[in-house]
């Protein structure tokens, strides 16, 4: 017999009140699980460009789906079985492994982009453009850090006092919501840089390739302001909400444009080779993922108006 979690009314500042069956942190962990699976698939397609997936390249390919499934199981323990301590340990282990995979993968990619030291050359932009994406693997590290923060309970909202259930209580310099916003901002910066370098291979001949560079940077800057500024209003979150929706739509638009580019011209059917060596199909979805993370981060966030009302009571 499964244990159901009752719906509770949750405030999304600038938008309204909603009945949600799970908490903000559980939603974030759920999105992390599916993101891990998606990153594994994307990495597999990217590594097929060389013709075959080498043993070292297979690590993130296998890790992504496995990590996602383990996280889904941990969520079942957390929500369905109420095994908070066990699920916390499982998520911590997967998150730590994800961070390691991201950092090591990025180091490997950077080694391909750096010039040979023996010839005394400096790093050149074209080497970064045509080398494996140096910041791409850091997506694993980013979602790993987000999963760890999502495990923490906001003991006193907007104070930075957090609790790792069943383990310890500690003070952090930033409230949990602003920590989430910082991670979303860094994710958008990484997605924008990755899109800029990928599109650099086309020498920016098409005006459409500038859309993710400009829109992504705008979304990242807006999120950074939200993360740095300590006091928010309902209007701030209302604007931020639509910026995150724009990031979500940007990812979907990019997916459609990449699929259209990879489809054979004047022929029916699908050429798998074009999808492997052409425009990376799932890469634009990083914007959609970060937009989704940003939207979830709004759930239950505090505003200046809410604080005044609470004090008045």
Protein backbone atom coordinates (compact mmCIF):
# COMPACT_ATOMS: atom_id res chain seq x y z
CA UNK A 1 0.00 0.00 0.00
CA UNK A 2 1.47 3.35 -1.01
CA UNK A 3 1.37 6.45 1.14
CA UNK A 4 -0.01 9.50 -0.60
CA UNK A 5 1.14 13.02 0.12
CA UNK A 6 -1.74 15.46 0.63
CA UNK A 7 -1.88 18.55 -1.52
CA UNK A 8 -1.07 21.81 0.18
CA UNK A 9 -1.62 25.36 -0.95
CA UNK A 10 1.66 26.89 -2.11
CA UNK A 11 2.30 30.51 -2.98
CA UNK A 12 4.15 31.33 -6.19
CA UNK A 13 4.96 35.04 -5.83
CA UNK A 14 3.65 37.23 -8.61
CA UNK A 15 1.55 34.37 -10.01
CA UNK A 16 -0.85 33.02 -7.38
CA UNK A 17 -1.66 30.12 -5.04
CA UNK A 18 -1.63 26.53 -6.28
CA UNK A 19 -2.34 23.08 -4.91
CA UNK A 20 0.82 21.01 -5.26
CA UNK A 21 1.09 17.35 -4.18
CA UNK A 22 4.83 17.63 -3.42
CA UNK A 23 7.27 20.24 -2.22
CA UNK A 24 9.49 22.52 -4.29
CA UNK A 25 12.56 20.49 -3.40
CA UNK A 26 10.93 17.22 -4.44
CA UNK A 27 10.00 18.75 -7.80
CA UNK A 28 13.60 19.89 -8.25
CA UNK A 29 14.90 16.41 -7.47
CA UNK A 30 12.42 14.93 -9.96
CA UNK A 31 13.64 17.32 -12.66
CA UNK A 32 17.26 16.46 -11.78
CA UNK A 33 16.47 12.77 -12.31
CA UNK A 34 15.04 13.30 -15.79
CA UNK A 35 17.83 15.76 -16.62
CA UNK A 36 20.46 13.12 -15.79
CA UNK A 37 18.75 10.69 -18.17
CA UNK A 38 18.54 13.31 -20.91
CA UNK A 39 22.19 14.29 -20.51
CA UNK A 40 23.22 10.66 -20.87
CA UNK A 41 21.35 10.42 -24.18
CA UNK A 42 22.74 13.73 -25.43
CA UNK A 43 26.29 12.67 -24.49
CA UNK A 44 25.83 9.41 -26.38
CA UNK A 45 24.81 11.25 -29.55
CA UNK A 46 27.68 13.73 -29.16
CA UNK A 47 30.30 11.03 -28.68
CA UNK A 48 29.09 9.11 -31.74
CA UNK A 49 30.62 11.84 -33.92
CA UNK A 50 33.98 10.04 -33.70
CA UNK A 51 32.36 6.89 -35.06
CA UNK A 52 32.25 4.91 -31.85
CA UNK A 53 31.99 5.53 -28.13
CA UNK A 54 35.31 4.89 -26.40
CA UNK A 55 35.37 3.31 -22.92
CA UNK A 56 36.12 6.63 -21.16
CA UNK A 57 33.43 8.38 -23.20
CA UNK A 58 30.92 5.72 -22.15
CA UNK A 59 31.11 6.78 -18.49
CA UNK A 60 28.68 9.75 -18.74
CA UNK A 61 26.57 7.83 -21.28
CA UNK A 62 25.94 5.04 -18.79
CA UNK A 63 26.02 7.20 -15.69
CA UNK A 64 23.27 9.58 -16.82
CA UNK A 65 20.40 7.08 -17.17
CA UNK A 66 21.56 5.00 -14.19
CA UNK A 67 21.80 8.09 -11.98
CA UNK A 68 18.36 9.23 -13.12
CA UNK A 69 16.76 5.89 -12.28
CA UNK A 70 18.45 5.78 -8.87
CA UNK A 71 17.20 9.29 -8.13
CA UNK A 72 13.66 8.27 -9.08
CA UNK A 73 13.96 5.36 -6.65
CA UNK A 74 15.26 7.74 -3.97
CA UNK A 75 12.23 9.98 -4.56
CA UNK A 76 9.97 6.97 -4.10
CA UNK A 77 11.68 6.32 -0.76
CA UNK A 78 11.41 9.99 0.15
CA UNK A 79 7.79 10.63 -0.83
CA UNK A 80 6.13 7.22 -0.88
CA UNK A 81 7.90 5.39 1.95
CA UNK A 82 8.90 8.41 4.06
CA UNK A 83 12.44 7.00 4.38
CA UNK A 84 14.01 10.44 4.57
CA UNK A 85 17.43 9.47 5.92
CA UNK A 86 17.97 6.62 3.45
CA UNK A 87 16.78 8.66 0.48
CA UNK A 88 19.05 11.52 1.57
CA UNK A 89 22.10 9.25 1.59
CA UNK A 90 21.20 7.84 -1.85
CA UNK A 91 20.75 11.29 -3.39
CA UNK A 92 23.98 12.54 -1.79
CA UNK A 93 25.90 9.62 -3.29
CA UNK A 94 24.46 10.14 -6.78
CA UNK A 95 24.98 13.91 -6.60
CA UNK A 96 28.63 13.51 -5.54
CA UNK A 97 29.23 11.08 -8.40
CA UNK A 98 27.54 13.46 -10.84
CA UNK A 99 29.81 16.31 -9.74
CA UNK A 100 32.87 14.09 -10.24
CA UNK A 101 31.73 13.02 -13.71
CA UNK A 102 31.17 16.65 -14.69
CA UNK A 103 34.50 17.96 -13.42
CA UNK A 104 36.55 15.09 -14.88
CA UNK A 105 34.68 15.29 -18.20
CA UNK A 106 35.31 19.03 -18.41
CA UNK A 107 39.02 18.47 -17.71
CA UNK A 108 39.20 15.97 -20.58
CA UNK A 109 37.46 18.40 -22.93
CA UNK A 110 39.72 21.28 -21.91
CA UNK A 111 42.78 19.11 -22.61
CA UNK A 112 41.55 18.78 -26.19
CA UNK A 113 41.06 22.54 -26.53
CA UNK A 114 44.39 23.67 -25.03
CA UNK A 115 47.32 24.09 -27.44
CA UNK A 116 50.41 21.84 -27.17
CA UNK A 117 52.80 23.47 -24.71
CA UNK A 118 55.82 22.41 -26.75
CA UNK A 119 55.10 24.92 -29.50
CA UNK A 120 54.48 27.82 -27.13
CA UNK A 121 51.10 28.82 -28.52
CA UNK A 122 48.30 30.46 -26.59
CA UNK A 123 44.67 29.42 -26.45
CA UNK A 124 42.74 30.48 -29.54
CA UNK A 125 38.99 30.95 -29.96
CA UNK A 126 38.80 28.67 -33.00
CA UNK A 127 40.34 25.85 -30.97
CA UNK A 128 37.58 26.24 -28.41
CA UNK A 129 34.95 26.31 -31.15
CA UNK A 130 36.05 23.12 -32.87
CA UNK A 131 37.18 21.20 -29.78
CA UNK A 132 34.75 19.15 -27.68
CA UNK A 133 32.53 21.55 -25.67
CA UNK A 134 34.66 22.52 -22.69
CA UNK A 135 31.73 23.53 -20.48
CA UNK A 136 29.34 20.80 -21.63
CA UNK A 137 30.24 18.14 -19.02
CA UNK A 138 29.83 20.69 -16.23
CA UNK A 139 26.08 20.23 -16.64
CA UNK A 140 26.52 16.99 -14.65
CA UNK A 141 28.27 18.94 -11.90
CA UNK A 142 25.62 21.65 -11.90
CA UNK A 143 22.68 19.31 -11.45
CA UNK A 144 24.64 17.40 -8.81
CA UNK A 145 25.09 20.56 -6.75
CA UNK A 146 21.44 21.46 -7.26
CA UNK A 147 20.39 18.01 -6.02
CA UNK A 148 22.42 18.47 -2.84
CA UNK A 149 20.87 21.88 -2.13
CA UNK A 150 17.41 20.46 -2.90
CA UNK A 151 17.93 17.90 -0.13
CA UNK A 152 18.15 20.66 2.43
CA UNK A 153 15.09 21.89 4.27
CA UNK A 154 14.66 25.65 4.62
CA UNK A 155 14.38 25.69 8.43
CA UNK A 156 13.76 29.44 8.61
CA UNK A 157 12.87 30.85 5.16
CA UNK A 158 15.09 33.65 3.88
CA UNK A 159 17.55 33.34 6.79
CA UNK A 160 19.97 30.84 5.25
CA UNK A 161 19.43 28.35 8.09
CA UNK A 162 19.13 24.94 6.45
CA UNK A 163 18.67 21.38 7.70
CA UNK A 164 19.97 18.17 6.20
CA UNK A 165 17.19 15.84 7.45
CA UNK A 166 18.41 13.46 10.10
CA UNK A 167 21.99 14.69 9.90
CA UNK A 168 22.67 18.33 10.87
CA UNK A 169 21.52 21.95 10.93
CA UNK A 170 23.81 24.68 9.63
CA UNK A 171 23.90 28.32 8.58
CA UNK A 172 24.60 29.42 5.01
CA UNK A 173 25.36 32.95 3.76
CA UNK A 174 22.44 32.92 1.30
CA UNK A 175 18.80 31.82 1.63
CA UNK A 176 17.94 28.62 -0.23
CA UNK A 177 15.88 30.36 -2.91
CA UNK A 178 18.78 32.63 -3.83
CA UNK A 179 21.10 29.61 -3.93
CA UNK A 180 18.77 28.00 -6.47
CA UNK A 181 18.67 31.23 -8.46
CA UNK A 182 22.48 31.40 -8.56
CA UNK A 183 22.66 27.85 -9.91
CA UNK A 184 20.05 28.65 -12.56
CA UNK A 185 22.04 31.76 -13.54
CA UNK A 186 25.29 29.78 -13.87
CA UNK A 187 23.43 27.16 -15.89
CA UNK A 188 22.11 29.80 -18.28
CA UNK A 189 25.59 31.34 -18.65
CA UNK A 190 26.98 27.89 -19.47
CA UNK A 191 24.18 27.17 -21.95
CA UNK A 192 24.72 30.55 -23.62
CA UNK A 193 28.49 30.05 -23.89
CA UNK A 194 28.02 26.53 -25.23
CA UNK A 195 25.51 27.74 -27.84
CA UNK A 196 27.85 30.59 -28.84
CA UNK A 197 30.80 28.23 -29.36
CA UNK A 198 28.69 25.63 -31.20
CA UNK A 199 27.20 28.22 -33.52
CA UNK A 200 30.66 29.67 -34.10
CA UNK A 201 31.27 26.72 -36.40
CA UNK A 202 28.73 28.26 -38.80
CA UNK A 203 30.54 31.63 -38.61
CA UNK A 204 27.19 33.12 -37.55
CA UNK A 205 25.96 33.34 -41.13
CA UNK A 206 22.34 32.82 -40.07
CA UNK A 207 20.70 35.47 -37.88
CA UNK A 208 18.82 32.75 -35.96
CA UNK A 209 22.04 31.49 -34.34
CA UNK A 210 22.32 34.80 -32.48
CA UNK A 211 18.99 34.22 -30.70
CA UNK A 212 20.31 31.89 -27.97
CA UNK A 213 23.39 34.07 -27.45
CA UNK A 214 21.37 37.24 -26.89
CA UNK A 215 18.29 35.76 -25.21
CA UNK A 216 20.33 33.35 -23.08
CA UNK A 217 22.58 36.15 -21.82
CA UNK A 218 19.52 38.27 -21.02
CA UNK A 219 17.95 35.43 -19.03
CA UNK A 220 21.21 34.78 -17.18
CA UNK A 221 21.62 38.44 -16.23
CA UNK A 222 18.02 38.73 -15.01
CA UNK A 223 18.46 35.60 -12.88
CA UNK A 224 21.77 36.88 -11.51
CA UNK A 225 20.08 40.12 -10.42
CA UNK A 226 17.34 38.11 -8.72
CA UNK A 227 19.97 35.99 -6.94
CA UNK A 228 22.16 38.90 -5.83
CA UNK A 229 19.41 41.29 -4.77
CA UNK A 230 18.26 40.40 -1.25
CA UNK A 231 14.73 41.83 -1.35
CA UNK A 232 12.15 40.92 -4.00
CA UNK A 233 8.64 42.13 -4.78
CA UNK A 234 5.72 40.37 -6.41
CA UNK A 235 6.47 42.36 -9.58
CA UNK A 236 10.08 41.13 -9.60
CA UNK A 237 8.92 37.53 -9.59
CA UNK A 238 6.22 38.22 -12.15
CA UNK A 239 8.86 39.51 -14.58
CA UNK A 240 11.22 36.69 -13.68
CA UNK A 241 8.45 34.15 -14.31
CA UNK A 242 8.02 35.28 -17.91
CA UNK A 243 11.76 35.39 -18.48
CA UNK A 244 11.97 31.74 -17.40
CA UNK A 245 9.02 30.90 -19.67
CA UNK A 246 10.99 32.56 -22.47
CA UNK A 247 13.99 30.33 -21.66
CA UNK A 248 11.69 27.32 -21.80
CA UNK A 249 10.33 28.38 -25.19
CA UNK A 250 13.86 29.19 -26.40
CA UNK A 251 14.90 25.60 -25.74
CA UNK A 252 11.86 24.19 -27.54
CA UNK A 253 12.39 26.55 -30.50
CA UNK A 254 16.05 25.54 -30.67
CA UNK A 255 15.09 21.88 -30.62
CA UNK A 256 12.73 22.42 -33.54
CA UNK A 257 15.30 24.36 -35.56
CA UNK A 258 18.00 21.76 -34.95
CA UNK A 259 15.68 18.90 -35.95
CA UNK A 260 14.68 20.81 -39.08
CA UNK A 261 18.36 21.39 -39.94
CA UNK A 262 19.18 17.70 -39.50
CA UNK A 263 16.31 16.44 -41.66
CA UNK A 264 17.39 15.49 -45.22
CA UNK A 265 16.65 18.18 -47.78
CA UNK A 266 14.16 17.16 -50.43
CA UNK A 267 13.96 13.59 -49.18
CA UNK A 268 11.63 11.62 -46.96
CA UNK A 269 12.65 9.68 -43.88
CA UNK A 270 15.36 10.30 -41.32
CA UNK A 271 19.08 10.13 -41.93
CA UNK A 272 20.62 9.09 -38.61
CA UNK A 273 24.07 10.25 -39.71
CA UNK A 274 22.82 13.83 -40.10
CA UNK A 275 21.44 13.78 -36.56
CA UNK A 276 24.78 12.54 -35.21
CA UNK A 277 27.07 14.89 -37.15
CA UNK A 278 24.69 17.80 -37.73
CA UNK A 279 23.17 20.23 -35.26
CA UNK A 280 23.05 18.64 -31.76
CA UNK A 281 19.37 17.90 -31.34
CA UNK A 282 19.07 18.02 -27.57
CA UNK A 283 21.62 20.76 -26.84
CA UNK A 284 19.07 23.64 -26.96
CA UNK A 285 16.96 21.86 -24.36
CA UNK A 286 19.49 22.97 -21.74
CA UNK A 287 17.76 26.36 -21.91
CA UNK A 288 14.40 24.67 -21.37
CA UNK A 289 15.78 22.67 -18.44
CA UNK A 290 17.24 25.76 -16.76
CA UNK A 291 13.98 27.63 -17.39
CA UNK A 292 12.09 24.79 -15.69
CA UNK A 293 14.51 24.83 -12.75
CA UNK A 294 14.00 28.59 -12.51
CA UNK A 295 10.22 28.26 -12.46
CA UNK A 296 10.30 25.59 -9.76
CA UNK A 297 12.69 27.74 -7.69
CA UNK A 298 9.89 30.34 -7.44
CA UNK A 299 7.59 28.02 -5.50
CA UNK A 300 7.18 29.27 -1.95
CA UNK A 301 9.74 32.04 -2.38
CA UNK A 302 9.50 34.93 0.05
CA UNK A 303 8.88 38.54 -0.97
CA UNK A 304 9.18 41.81 0.90
CA UNK A 305 5.39 42.13 1.02
CA UNK A 306 5.04 38.67 2.56
CA UNK A 307 7.60 39.50 5.26
CA UNK A 308 5.75 42.71 6.22
CA UNK A 309 2.44 40.82 6.43
CA UNK A 310 3.98 38.13 8.61
CA UNK A 311 5.53 40.71 10.95
CA UNK A 312 2.24 42.59 11.20
CA UNK A 313 0.46 39.44 12.30
